[in-house]
Amino acid sequence: MNKTEIIERINAFMVEDFEVEESAIVPTADLKTTLDLDSLDYIDLVVVIEQNFGFKVKPEDFQTMITIQDFYDYVINKVETANV
Protein backbone atom coordinates (compact mmCIF):
# COMPACT_ATOMS: atom_id res chain seq x y z
CA MET A 1 0.00 0.00 0.00
CA ASN A 2 1.50 3.34 -1.01
CA LYS A 3 1.13 6.76 0.64
CA THR A 4 -1.65 7.87 -1.71
CA GLU A 5 -3.68 4.73 -1.02
CA ILE A 6 -3.23 5.15 2.73
CA ILE A 7 -4.39 8.78 2.60
CA GLU A 8 -7.38 7.86 0.43
CA ARG A 9 -8.38 5.12 2.88
CA ILE A 10 -8.02 7.48 5.85
CA ASN A 11 -10.12 10.14 4.11
CA ALA A 12 -12.78 7.54 3.24
CA PHE A 13 -13.24 6.40 6.84
CA MET A 14 -13.23 9.99 8.08
CA VAL A 15 -16.16 10.69 5.76
CA GLU A 16 -17.99 7.40 6.32
CA ASP A 17 -17.37 6.64 9.99
CA PHE A 18 -16.94 10.12 11.46
CA GLU A 19 -19.25 12.02 9.09
CA VAL A 20 -16.64 14.64 8.23
CA GLU A 21 -17.29 16.79 5.18
CA GLU A 22 -14.77 15.78 2.54
CA SER A 23 -13.91 19.44 1.91
CA ALA A 24 -12.84 19.77 5.58
CA ILE A 25 -10.18 17.08 5.24
CA VAL A 26 -7.06 19.07 4.44
CA PRO A 27 -3.55 18.35 5.76
CA THR A 28 -3.33 21.54 7.83
CA ALA A 29 -6.71 21.06 9.55
CA ASP A 30 -6.76 20.38 13.27
CA LEU A 31 -7.41 16.65 13.73
CA LYS A 32 -9.49 16.88 16.92
CA THR A 33 -11.61 19.78 15.69
CA THR A 34 -12.16 18.40 12.18
CA LEU A 35 -13.22 14.98 13.43
CA ASP A 36 -15.04 16.52 16.41
CA LEU A 37 -13.38 13.92 18.61
CA ASP A 38 -14.23 13.23 22.21
CA SER A 39 -12.69 10.45 24.29
CA LEU A 40 -15.09 7.79 22.98
CA ASP A 41 -14.41 8.85 19.40
CA TYR A 42 -10.71 8.25 19.95
CA ILE A 43 -11.55 4.65 20.87
CA ASP A 44 -13.58 4.34 17.67
CA LEU A 45 -10.69 5.84 15.70
CA VAL A 46 -8.24 3.32 17.19
CA VAL A 47 -10.54 0.46 16.20
CA VAL A 48 -10.95 1.79 12.65
CA ILE A 49 -7.18 2.21 12.24
CA GLU A 50 -6.52 -1.31 13.51
CA GLN A 51 -9.17 -2.77 11.20
CA ASN A 52 -7.98 -0.87 8.13
CA PHE A 53 -4.23 -1.05 8.57
CA GLY A 54 -3.57 -4.04 10.85
CA PHE A 55 -1.40 -2.46 13.55
CA LYS A 56 -2.03 -1.65 17.19
CA VAL A 57 -2.41 1.96 18.24
CA LYS A 58 -1.49 3.26 21.68
CA PRO A 59 -3.76 6.04 22.95
CA GLU A 60 -0.72 8.13 23.90
CA ASP A 61 0.30 8.19 20.22
CA PHE A 62 -2.52 10.69 19.64
CA GLN A 63 -0.89 13.23 21.96
CA THR A 64 1.61 14.15 19.25
CA MET A 65 -0.96 14.41 16.47
CA ILE A 66 -2.23 17.94 15.97
CA THR A 67 -3.06 18.16 12.28
CA ILE A 68 -4.51 15.71 9.80
CA GLN A 69 -1.05 15.64 8.18
CA ASP A 70 0.38 14.44 11.51
CA PHE A 71 -2.22 11.67 11.46
CA TYR A 72 -1.37 10.74 7.86
CA ASP A 73 2.35 10.67 8.70
CA TYR A 74 1.75 8.49 11.75
CA VAL A 75 -0.27 5.89 9.82
CA ILE A 76 2.11 5.93 6.83
CA ASN A 77 5.10 5.42 9.13
CA LYS A 78 3.41 2.54 10.96
CA VAL A 79 2.36 0.83 7.73
CA GLU A 80 5.82 1.24 6.18
CA THR A 81 7.53 0.00 9.37
CA ALA A 82 5.24 -3.04 9.52
CA ASN A 83 6.12 -3.95 5.92
CA VAL A 84 9.90 -3.86 6.46
PDB file of N, CA and C in Angstrom:
ATOM      1  N   MET A   1       0.852  -1.174   0.000  1.00  0.00           N
ATOM      2  CA  MET A   1       0.000   0.000   0.000  1.00  0.00           C
ATOM      3  C   MET A   1       0.902   1.243   0.000  1.00  0.00           C
ATOM      4  N   ASN A   2       0.674   2.138  -0.947  1.00  0.00           N
ATOM      5  CA  ASN A   2       1.502   3.336  -1.013  1.00  0.00           C
ATOM      6  C   ASN A   2       0.860   4.499  -0.235  1.00  0.00           C
ATOM      7  N   LYS A   3       1.590   5.613  -0.150  1.00  0.00           N
ATOM      8  CA  LYS A   3       1.127   6.756   0.636  1.00  0.00           C
ATOM      9  C   LYS A   3      -0.215   7.281   0.153  1.00  0.00           C
ATOM     10  N   THR A   4      -0.393   7.359  -1.157  1.00  0.00           N
ATOM     11  CA  THR A   4      -1.653   7.869  -1.709  1.00  0.00           C
ATOM     12  C   THR A   4      -2.822   6.968  -1.315  1.00  0.00           C
ATOM     13  N   GLU A   5      -2.621   5.671  -1.388  1.00  0.00           N
ATOM     14  CA  GLU A   5      -3.683   4.725  -1.017  1.00  0.00           C
ATOM     15  C   GLU A   5      -4.015   4.823   0.467  1.00  0.00           C
ATOM     16  N   ILE A   6      -3.002   5.008   1.292  1.00  0.00           N
ATOM     17  CA  ILE A   6      -3.227   5.153   2.734  1.00  0.00           C
ATOM     18  C   ILE A   6      -4.052   6.408   3.011  1.00  0.00           C
ATOM     19  N   ILE A   7      -3.662   7.522   2.393  1.00  0.00           N
ATOM     20  CA  ILE A   7      -4.388   8.781   2.599  1.00  0.00           C
ATOM     21  C   ILE A   7      -5.823   8.661   2.104  1.00  0.00           C
ATOM     22  N   GLU A   8      -6.019   8.042   0.950  1.00  0.00           N
ATOM     23  CA  GLU A   8      -7.377   7.859   0.428  1.00  0.00           C
ATOM     24  C   GLU A   8      -8.226   7.019   1.379  1.00  0.00           C
ATOM     25  N   ARG A   9      -7.631   5.968   1.944  1.00  0.00           N
ATOM     26  CA  ARG A   9      -8.377   5.115   2.878  1.00  0.00           C
ATOM     27  C   ARG A   9      -8.719   5.880   4.152  1.00  0.00           C
ATOM     28  N   ILE A  10      -7.760   6.662   4.662  1.00  0.00           N
ATOM     29  CA  ILE A  10      -8.018   7.480   5.854  1.00  0.00           C
ATOM     30  C   ILE A  10      -9.154   8.463   5.578  1.00  0.00           C
ATOM     31  N   ASN A  11      -9.073   9.169   4.451  1.00  0.00           N
ATOM     32  CA  ASN A  11     -10.122  10.136   4.114  1.00  0.00           C
ATOM     33  C   ASN A  11     -11.475   9.452   4.003  1.00  0.00           C
ATOM     34  N   ALA A  12     -11.508   8.266   3.412  1.00  0.00           N
ATOM     35  CA  ALA A  12     -12.775   7.536   3.244  1.00  0.00           C
ATOM     36  C   ALA A  12     -13.400   7.210   4.593  1.00  0.00           C
ATOM     37  N   PHE A  13     -12.603   6.729   5.553  1.00  0.00           N
ATOM     38  CA  PHE A  13     -13.238   6.403   6.835  1.00  0.00           C
ATOM     39  C   PHE A  13     -13.556   7.639   7.658  1.00  0.00           C
ATOM     40  N   MET A  14     -12.851   8.742   7.415  1.00  0.00           N
ATOM     41  CA  MET A  14     -13.234   9.991   8.085  1.00  0.00           C
ATOM     42  C   MET A  14     -14.628  10.427   7.622  1.00  0.00           C
ATOM     43  N   VAL A  15     -14.870  10.303   6.324  1.00  0.00           N
ATOM     44  CA  VAL A  15     -16.163  10.692   5.760  1.00  0.00           C
ATOM     45  C   VAL A  15     -17.249   9.705   6.192  1.00  0.00           C
ATOM     46  N   GLU A  16     -16.979   8.419   6.052  1.00  0.00           N
ATOM     47  CA  GLU A  16     -17.993   7.400   6.319  1.00  0.00           C
ATOM     48  C   GLU A  16     -18.254   7.181   7.803  1.00  0.00           C
ATOM     49  N   ASP A  17     -17.198   7.008   8.590  1.00  0.00           N
ATOM     50  CA  ASP A  17     -17.368   6.638   9.992  1.00  0.00           C
ATOM     51  C   ASP A  17     -17.506   7.823  10.936  1.00  0.00           C
ATOM     52  N   PHE A  18     -16.919   8.955  10.570  1.00  0.00           N
ATOM     53  CA  PHE A  18     -16.942  10.117  11.457  1.00  0.00           C
ATOM     54  C   PHE A  18     -17.747  11.276  10.889  1.00  0.00           C
ATOM     55  N   GLU A  19     -18.353  11.053   9.733  1.00  0.00           N
ATOM     56  CA  GLU A  19     -19.252  12.024   9.095  1.00  0.00           C
ATOM     57  C   GLU A  19     -18.613  13.400   8.916  1.00  0.00           C
ATOM     58  N   VAL A  20     -17.361  13.400   8.501  1.00  0.00           N
ATOM     59  CA  VAL A  20     -16.639  14.644   8.230  1.00  0.00           C
ATOM     60  C   VAL A  20     -16.897  15.026   6.777  1.00  0.00           C
ATOM     61  N   GLU A  21     -17.138  16.308   6.542  1.00  0.00           N
ATOM     62  CA  GLU A  21     -17.289  16.786   5.177  1.00  0.00           C
ATOM     63  C   GLU A  21     -15.955  16.599   4.459  1.00  0.00           C
ATOM     64  N   GLU A  22     -15.999  16.044   3.277  1.00  0.00           N
ATOM     65  CA  GLU A  22     -14.769  15.785   2.537  1.00  0.00           C
ATOM     66  C   GLU A  22     -13.938  17.059   2.337  1.00  0.00           C
ATOM     67  N   SER A  23     -14.615  18.173   2.133  1.00  0.00           N
ATOM     68  CA  SER A  23     -13.912  19.438   1.914  1.00  0.00           C
ATOM     69  C   SER A  23     -13.149  19.904   3.164  1.00  0.00           C
ATOM     70  N   ALA A  24     -13.505  19.382   4.332  1.00  0.00           N
ATOM     71  CA  ALA A  24     -12.837  19.767   5.578  1.00  0.00           C
ATOM     72  C   ALA A  24     -11.551  18.987   5.813  1.00  0.00           C
ATOM     73  N   ILE A  25     -11.344  17.938   5.039  1.00  0.00           N
ATOM     74  CA  ILE A  25     -10.176  17.080   5.239  1.00  0.00           C
ATOM     75  C   ILE A  25      -9.009  17.621   4.416  1.00  0.00           C
ATOM     76  N   VAL A  26      -8.260  18.494   5.050  1.00  0.00           N
ATOM     77  CA  VAL A  26      -7.060  19.066   4.438  1.00  0.00           C
ATOM     78  C   VAL A  26      -5.897  18.846   5.409  1.00  0.00           C
ATOM     79  N   PRO A  27      -4.683  18.677   4.896  1.00  0.00           N
ATOM     80  CA  PRO A  27      -3.547  18.349   5.759  1.00  0.00           C
ATOM     81  C   PRO A  27      -3.313  19.297   6.929  1.00  0.00           C
ATOM     82  N   THR A  28      -3.606  20.568   6.763  1.00  0.00           N
ATOM     83  CA  THR A  28      -3.332  21.535   7.826  1.00  0.00           C
ATOM     84  C   THR A  28      -4.458  21.655   8.852  1.00  0.00           C
ATOM     85  N   ALA A  29      -5.572  20.977   8.630  1.00  0.00           N
ATOM     86  CA  ALA A  29      -6.714  21.060   9.546  1.00  0.00           C
ATOM     87  C   ALA A  29      -6.377  20.401  10.882  1.00  0.00           C
ATOM     88  N   ASP A  30      -6.926  20.944  11.935  1.00  0.00           N
ATOM     89  CA  ASP A  30      -6.763  20.382  13.273  1.00  0.00           C
ATOM     90  C   ASP A  30      -7.524  19.054  13.346  1.00  0.00           C
ATOM     91  N   LEU A  31      -6.826  17.997  13.717  1.00  0.00           N
ATOM     92  CA  LEU A  31      -7.413  16.654  13.730  1.00  0.00           C
ATOM     93  C   LEU A  31      -8.603  16.562  14.678  1.00  0.00           C
ATOM     94  N   LYS A  32      -8.428  16.997  15.910  1.00  0.00           N
ATOM     95  CA  LYS A  32      -9.488  16.882  16.917  1.00  0.00           C
ATOM     96  C   LYS A  32     -10.715  17.693  16.538  1.00  0.00           C
ATOM     97  N   THR A  33     -10.498  18.908  16.066  1.00  0.00           N
ATOM     98  CA  THR A  33     -11.609  19.778  15.688  1.00  0.00           C
ATOM     99  C   THR A  33     -12.330  19.260  14.446  1.00  0.00           C
ATOM    100  N   THR A  34     -11.573  18.862  13.441  1.00  0.00           N
ATOM    101  CA  THR A  34     -12.162  18.396  12.185  1.00  0.00           C
ATOM    102  C   THR A  34     -13.003  17.149  12.392  1.00  0.00           C
ATOM    103  N   LEU A  35     -12.471  16.221  13.171  1.00  0.00           N
ATOM    104  CA  LEU A  35     -13.215  14.985  13.427  1.00  0.00           C
ATOM    105  C   LEU A  35     -14.214  15.134  14.572  1.00  0.00           C
ATOM    106  N   ASP A  36     -14.169  16.273  15.265  1.00  0.00           N
ATOM    107  CA  ASP A  36     -15.042  16.522  16.411  1.00  0.00           C
ATOM    108  C   ASP A  36     -14.914  15.373  17.412  1.00  0.00           C
ATOM    109  N   LEU A  37     -13.672  15.086  17.781  1.00  0.00           N
ATOM    110  CA  LEU A  37     -13.383  13.923  18.613  1.00  0.00           C
ATOM    111  C   LEU A  37     -13.554  14.196  20.096  1.00  0.00           C
ATOM    112  N   ASP A  38     -14.236  13.265  20.758  1.00  0.00           N
ATOM    113  CA  ASP A  38     -14.230  13.225  22.211  1.00  0.00           C
ATOM    114  C   ASP A  38     -13.531  11.927  22.602  1.00  0.00           C
ATOM    115  N   SER A  39     -13.471  11.611  23.869  1.00  0.00           N
ATOM    116  CA  SER A  39     -12.691  10.445  24.295  1.00  0.00           C
ATOM    117  C   SER A  39     -13.228   9.136  23.716  1.00  0.00           C
ATOM    118  N   LEU A  40     -14.531   9.012  23.575  1.00  0.00           N
ATOM    119  CA  LEU A  40     -15.094   7.793  22.983  1.00  0.00           C
ATOM    120  C   LEU A  40     -14.783   7.704  21.497  1.00  0.00           C
ATOM    121  N   ASP A  41     -14.750   8.842  20.822  1.00  0.00           N
ATOM    122  CA  ASP A  41     -14.406   8.849  19.399  1.00  0.00           C
ATOM    123  C   ASP A  41     -12.975   8.388  19.163  1.00  0.00           C
ATOM    124  N   TYR A  42     -12.088   8.715  20.093  1.00  0.00           N
ATOM    125  CA  TYR A  42     -10.705   8.245  19.953  1.00  0.00           C
ATOM    126  C   TYR A  42     -10.657   6.719  19.982  1.00  0.00           C
ATOM    127  N   ILE A  43     -11.479   6.113  20.823  1.00  0.00           N
ATOM    128  CA  ILE A  43     -11.546   4.646  20.866  1.00  0.00           C
ATOM    129  C   ILE A  43     -12.039   4.118  19.530  1.00  0.00           C
ATOM    130  N   ASP A  44     -13.068   4.740  18.985  1.00  0.00           N
ATOM    131  CA  ASP A  44     -13.576   4.338  17.666  1.00  0.00           C
ATOM    132  C   ASP A  44     -12.498   4.497  16.598  1.00  0.00           C
ATOM    133  N   LEU A  45     -11.747   5.588  16.675  1.00  0.00           N
ATOM    134  CA  LEU A  45     -10.692   5.839  15.698  1.00  0.00           C
ATOM    135  C   LEU A  45      -9.600   4.771  15.792  1.00  0.00           C
ATOM    136  N   VAL A  46      -9.239   4.384  17.000  1.00  0.00           N
ATOM    137  CA  VAL A  46      -8.242   3.323  17.193  1.00  0.00           C
ATOM    138  C   VAL A  46      -8.722   2.031  16.543  1.00  0.00           C
ATOM    139  N   VAL A  47      -9.977   1.685  16.771  1.00  0.00           N
ATOM    140  CA  VAL A  47     -10.540   0.456  16.197  1.00  0.00           C
ATOM    141  C   VAL A  47     -10.519   0.516  14.671  1.00  0.00           C
ATOM    142  N   VAL A  48     -10.921   1.639  14.102  1.00  0.00           N
ATOM    143  CA  VAL A  48     -10.949   1.794  12.649  1.00  0.00           C
ATOM    144  C   VAL A  48      -9.544   1.685  12.064  1.00  0.00           C
ATOM    145  N   ILE A  49      -8.570   2.293  12.717  1.00  0.00           N
ATOM    146  CA  ILE A  49      -7.181   2.207  12.243  1.00  0.00           C
ATOM    147  C   ILE A  49      -6.713   0.758  12.269  1.00  0.00           C
ATOM    148  N   GLU A  50      -6.961   0.082  13.388  1.00  0.00           N
ATOM    149  CA  GLU A  50      -6.520  -1.307  13.513  1.00  0.00           C
ATOM    150  C   GLU A  50      -7.189  -2.201  12.472  1.00  0.00           C
ATOM    151  N   GLN A  51      -8.455  -1.973  12.195  1.00  0.00           N
ATOM    152  CA  GLN A  51      -9.169  -2.775  11.196  1.00  0.00           C
ATOM    153  C   GLN A  51      -8.663  -2.499   9.780  1.00  0.00           C
ATOM    154  N   ASN A  52      -8.377  -1.248   9.485  1.00  0.00           N
ATOM    155  CA  ASN A  52      -7.975  -0.868   8.130  1.00  0.00           C
ATOM    156  C   ASN A  52      -6.507  -1.114   7.821  1.00  0.00           C
ATOM    157  N   PHE A  53      -5.666  -1.010   8.841  1.00  0.00           N
ATOM    158  CA  PHE A  53      -4.232  -1.051   8.572  1.00  0.00           C
ATOM    159  C   PHE A  53      -3.489  -2.172   9.296  1.00  0.00           C
ATOM    160  N   GLY A  54      -4.145  -2.861  10.228  1.00  0.00           N
ATOM    161  CA  GLY A  54      -3.566  -4.044  10.849  1.00  0.00           C
ATOM    162  C   GLY A  54      -2.446  -3.812  11.843  1.00  0.00           C
ATOM    163  N   PHE A  55      -2.402  -2.659  12.484  1.00  0.00           N
ATOM    164  CA  PHE A  55      -1.404  -2.460  13.547  1.00  0.00           C
ATOM    165  C   PHE A  55      -2.104  -1.887  14.775  1.00  0.00           C
ATOM    166  N   LYS A  56      -1.487  -2.125  15.922  1.00  0.00           N
ATOM    167  CA  LYS A  56      -2.034  -1.654  17.190  1.00  0.00           C
ATOM    168  C   LYS A  56      -1.665  -0.194  17.412  1.00  0.00           C
ATOM    169  N   VAL A  57      -2.598   0.546  17.961  1.00  0.00           N
ATOM    170  CA  VAL A  57      -2.405   1.963  18.244  1.00  0.00           C
ATOM    171  C   VAL A  57      -2.444   2.161  19.756  1.00  0.00           C
ATOM    172  N   LYS A  58      -1.485   2.919  20.259  1.00  0.00           N
ATOM    173  CA  LYS A  58      -1.490   3.264  21.681  1.00  0.00           C
ATOM    174  C   LYS A  58      -2.178   4.621  21.821  1.00  0.00           C
ATOM    175  N   PRO A  59      -3.068   4.750  22.781  1.00  0.00           N
ATOM    176  CA  PRO A  59      -3.761   6.043  22.955  1.00  0.00           C
ATOM    177  C   PRO A  59      -2.810   7.221  23.094  1.00  0.00           C
ATOM    178  N   GLU A  60      -1.658   7.012  23.724  1.00  0.00           N
ATOM    179  CA  GLU A  60      -0.721   8.130  23.900  1.00  0.00           C
ATOM    180  C   GLU A  60      -0.121   8.604  22.576  1.00  0.00           C
ATOM    181  N   ASP A  61      -0.191   7.775  21.533  1.00  0.00           N
ATOM    182  CA  ASP A  61       0.296   8.192  20.215  1.00  0.00           C
ATOM    183  C   ASP A  61      -0.465   9.412  19.699  1.00  0.00           C
ATOM    184  N   PHE A  62      -1.709   9.563  20.107  1.00  0.00           N
ATOM    185  CA  PHE A  62      -2.522  10.687  19.637  1.00  0.00           C
ATOM    186  C   PHE A  62      -2.083  12.022  20.234  1.00  0.00           C
ATOM    187  N   GLN A  63      -1.321  11.983  21.313  1.00  0.00           N
ATOM    188  CA  GLN A  63      -0.893  13.227  21.960  1.00  0.00           C
ATOM    189  C   GLN A  63       0.008  14.062  21.059  1.00  0.00           C
ATOM    190  N   THR A  64       0.716  13.420  20.145  1.00  0.00           N
ATOM    191  CA  THR A  64       1.615  14.151  19.255  1.00  0.00           C
ATOM    192  C   THR A  64       0.959  14.551  17.937  1.00  0.00           C
ATOM    193  N   MET A  65      -0.268  14.115  17.726  1.00  0.00           N
ATOM    194  CA  MET A  65      -0.963  14.413  16.467  1.00  0.00           C
ATOM    195  C   MET A  65      -1.827  15.658  16.634  1.00  0.00           C
ATOM    196  N   ILE A  66      -1.464  16.699  15.919  1.00  0.00           N
ATOM    197  CA  ILE A  66      -2.226  17.944  15.972  1.00  0.00           C
ATOM    198  C   ILE A  66      -3.048  18.105  14.692  1.00  0.00           C
ATOM    199  N   THR A  67      -2.393  17.953  13.562  1.00  0.00           N
ATOM    200  CA  THR A  67      -3.065  18.162  12.279  1.00  0.00           C
ATOM    201  C   THR A  67      -3.408  16.834  11.607  1.00  0.00           C
ATOM    202  N   ILE A  68      -4.197  16.910  10.583  1.00  0.00           N
ATOM    203  CA  ILE A  68      -4.514  15.715   9.801  1.00  0.00           C
ATOM    204  C   ILE A  68      -3.242  15.192   9.140  1.00  0.00           C
ATOM    205  N   GLN A  69      -2.325  16.087   8.752  1.00  0.00           N
ATOM    206  CA  GLN A  69      -1.047  15.639   8.182  1.00  0.00           C
ATOM    207  C   GLN A  69      -0.259  14.815   9.202  1.00  0.00           C
ATOM    208  N   ASP A  70      -0.279  15.223  10.468  1.00  0.00           N
ATOM    209  CA  ASP A  70       0.383  14.436  11.510  1.00  0.00           C
ATOM    210  C   ASP A  70      -0.213  13.030  11.570  1.00  0.00           C
ATOM    211  N   PHE A  71      -1.515  12.954  11.439  1.00  0.00           N
ATOM    212  CA  PHE A  71      -2.215  11.669  11.461  1.00  0.00           C
ATOM    213  C   PHE A  71      -1.818  10.828  10.249  1.00  0.00           C
ATOM    214  N   TYR A  72      -1.818  11.438   9.068  1.00  0.00           N
ATOM    215  CA  TYR A  72      -1.374  10.736   7.861  1.00  0.00           C
ATOM    216  C   TYR A  72       0.037  10.187   8.059  1.00  0.00           C
ATOM    217  N   ASP A  73       0.946  11.058   8.528  1.00  0.00           N
ATOM    218  CA  ASP A  73       2.347  10.669   8.696  1.00  0.00           C
ATOM    219  C   ASP A  73       2.482   9.506   9.675  1.00  0.00           C
ATOM    220  N   TYR A  74       1.719   9.558  10.752  1.00  0.00           N
ATOM    221  CA  TYR A  74       1.747   8.489  11.753  1.00  0.00           C
ATOM    222  C   TYR A  74       1.351   7.151  11.127  1.00  0.00           C
ATOM    223  N   VAL A  75       0.219   7.131  10.418  1.00  0.00           N
ATOM    224  CA  VAL A  75      -0.269   5.891   9.819  1.00  0.00           C
ATOM    225  C   VAL A  75       0.695   5.406   8.737  1.00  0.00           C
ATOM    226  N   ILE A  76       1.155   6.307   7.897  1.00  0.00           N
ATOM    227  CA  ILE A  76       2.112   5.933   6.831  1.00  0.00           C
ATOM    228  C   ILE A  76       3.364   5.306   7.444  1.00  0.00           C
ATOM    229  N   ASN A  77       3.896   5.939   8.474  1.00  0.00           N
ATOM    230  CA  ASN A  77       5.095   5.420   9.130  1.00  0.00           C
ATOM    231  C   ASN A  77       4.851   4.029   9.704  1.00  0.00           C
ATOM    232  N   LYS A  78       3.732   3.841  10.381  1.00  0.00           N
ATOM    233  CA  LYS A  78       3.407   2.543  10.964  1.00  0.00           C
ATOM    234  C   LYS A  78       3.247   1.467   9.903  1.00  0.00           C
ATOM    235  N   VAL A  79       2.568   1.793   8.808  1.00  0.00           N
ATOM    236  CA  VAL A  79       2.356   0.830   7.732  1.00  0.00           C
ATOM    237  C   VAL A  79       3.697   0.481   7.084  1.00  0.00           C
ATOM    238  N   GLU A  80       4.519   1.486   6.805  1.00  0.00           N
ATOM    239  CA  GLU A  80       5.820   1.236   6.184  1.00  0.00           C
ATOM    240  C   GLU A  80       6.724   0.438   7.109  1.00  0.00           C
ATOM    241  N   THR A  81       6.708   0.729   8.401  1.00  0.00           N
ATOM    242  CA  THR A  81       7.527   0.003   9.366  1.00  0.00           C
ATOM    243  C   THR A  81       7.079  -1.449   9.480  1.00  0.00           C
ATOM    244  N   ALA A  82       5.769  -1.679   9.415  1.00  0.00           N
ATOM    245  CA  ALA A  82       5.241  -3.042   9.524  1.00  0.00           C
ATOM    246  C   ALA A  82       5.605  -3.884   8.303  1.00  0.00           C
ATOM    247  N   ASN A  83       5.820  -3.233   7.169  1.00  0.00           N
ATOM    248  CA  ASN A  83       6.121  -3.953   5.923  1.00  0.00           C
ATOM    249  C   ASN A  83       7.616  -4.129   5.677  1.00  0.00           C
ATOM    250  N   VAL A  84       8.447  -3.741   6.644  1.00  0.00           N
ATOM    251  CA  VAL A  84       9.903  -3.865   6.459  1.00  0.00           C
ATOM    252  C   VAL A  84      10.366  -5.234   6.890  1.00  0.00           C
TER     253      VAL A  84
END
